[in-house]
Amino acid sequence: MKKTEQIREMSLSEMQTQLQDLEEELTNLRFQKVTSQLDNPLRIRVVRRDIARLKTILHEHEKGIRNVS
């Protein structure tokens, strides 16, 4: 995933699409973990942090803290 500055440069629709993709990936990773097919368990942590990063930036936009293009 990109750094925070790169995420802020994305449009609002791009961020929402990226968030949906990451949430879907997290669901798939959790299923793989349960079925013992997960190759890289640290990927779950990375995806969760990326989701949190995107949600934080979207929340900043909703509250008017920072403007998103």
Protein backbone atom coordinates (compact mmCIF):
# COMPACT_ATOMS: atom_id res chain seq x y z
CA MET A 1 0.00 0.00 0.00
CA LYS A 2 1.02 3.57 -0.54
CA LYS A 3 2.19 5.99 2.06
CA THR A 4 -0.23 8.46 3.58
CA GLU A 5 0.83 11.30 1.31
CA GLN A 6 0.14 9.21 -1.77
CA ILE A 7 -3.27 8.21 -0.44
CA ARG A 8 -4.17 11.85 0.16
CA GLU A 9 -3.45 12.56 -3.51
CA MET A 10 -6.07 10.00 -4.58
CA SER A 11 -9.62 11.09 -5.35
CA LEU A 12 -12.44 10.28 -2.98
CA SER A 13 -13.87 7.59 -5.28
CA GLU A 14 -10.43 5.98 -5.68
CA MET A 15 -10.04 5.81 -1.91
CA GLN A 16 -13.45 4.21 -1.47
CA THR A 17 -12.69 1.65 -4.18
CA GLN A 18 -9.33 0.88 -2.59
CA LEU A 19 -11.04 0.46 0.80
CA GLN A 20 -13.54 -2.02 -0.62
CA ASP A 21 -10.75 -3.99 -2.28
CA LEU A 22 -8.74 -4.16 0.95
CA GLU A 23 -11.75 -5.25 2.99
CA GLU A 24 -12.41 -8.03 0.48
CA GLU A 25 -8.76 -9.07 0.62
CA LEU A 26 -8.88 -9.15 4.42
CA THR A 27 -11.93 -11.41 4.30
CA ASN A 28 -10.14 -13.77 1.93
CA LEU A 29 -7.03 -13.78 4.12
CA ARG A 30 -9.11 -14.66 7.16
CA PHE A 31 -10.68 -17.58 5.31
CA GLN A 32 -7.24 -18.76 4.25
CA LYS A 33 -6.06 -18.55 7.85
CA VAL A 34 -8.94 -20.72 9.08
CA THR A 35 -8.32 -23.33 6.40
CA SER A 36 -4.53 -23.28 7.03
CA GLN A 37 -3.76 -22.07 3.52
CA LEU A 38 -2.31 -18.70 4.48
CA ASP A 39 1.26 -18.33 3.22
CA ASN A 40 2.12 -15.00 4.85
CA PRO A 41 0.27 -14.36 8.13
CA LEU A 42 1.81 -10.89 8.42
CA ARG A 43 -0.18 -9.83 5.37
CA ILE A 44 -3.28 -9.66 7.59
CA ARG A 45 -1.60 -7.03 9.76
CA VAL A 46 -0.53 -4.97 6.74
CA VAL A 47 -4.01 -5.04 5.22
CA ARG A 48 -5.66 -4.10 8.54
CA ARG A 49 -3.33 -1.12 8.91
CA ASP A 50 -3.96 -0.01 5.34
CA ILE A 51 -7.72 -0.16 5.97
CA ALA A 52 -7.30 1.91 9.12
CA ARG A 53 -5.15 4.43 7.24
CA LEU A 54 -7.78 4.82 4.51
CA LYS A 55 -10.63 5.10 6.99
CA THR A 56 -8.74 7.77 8.92
CA ILE A 57 -8.17 9.86 5.81
CA LEU A 58 -11.81 9.46 4.74
CA HIS A 59 -12.94 10.50 8.22
CA GLU A 60 -10.71 13.58 8.05
CA HIS A 61 -12.43 14.48 4.80
CA GLU A 62 -15.91 14.04 6.33
CA LYS A 63 -15.05 16.24 9.30
CA GLY A 64 -13.39 18.87 7.12
CA ILE A 65 -10.02 18.46 8.82
CA ARG A 66 -8.24 18.01 5.51
CA ASN A 67 -9.52 18.46 1.99
CA VAL A 68 -9.48 15.57 -0.44
CA SER A 69 -9.52 16.26 -4.17
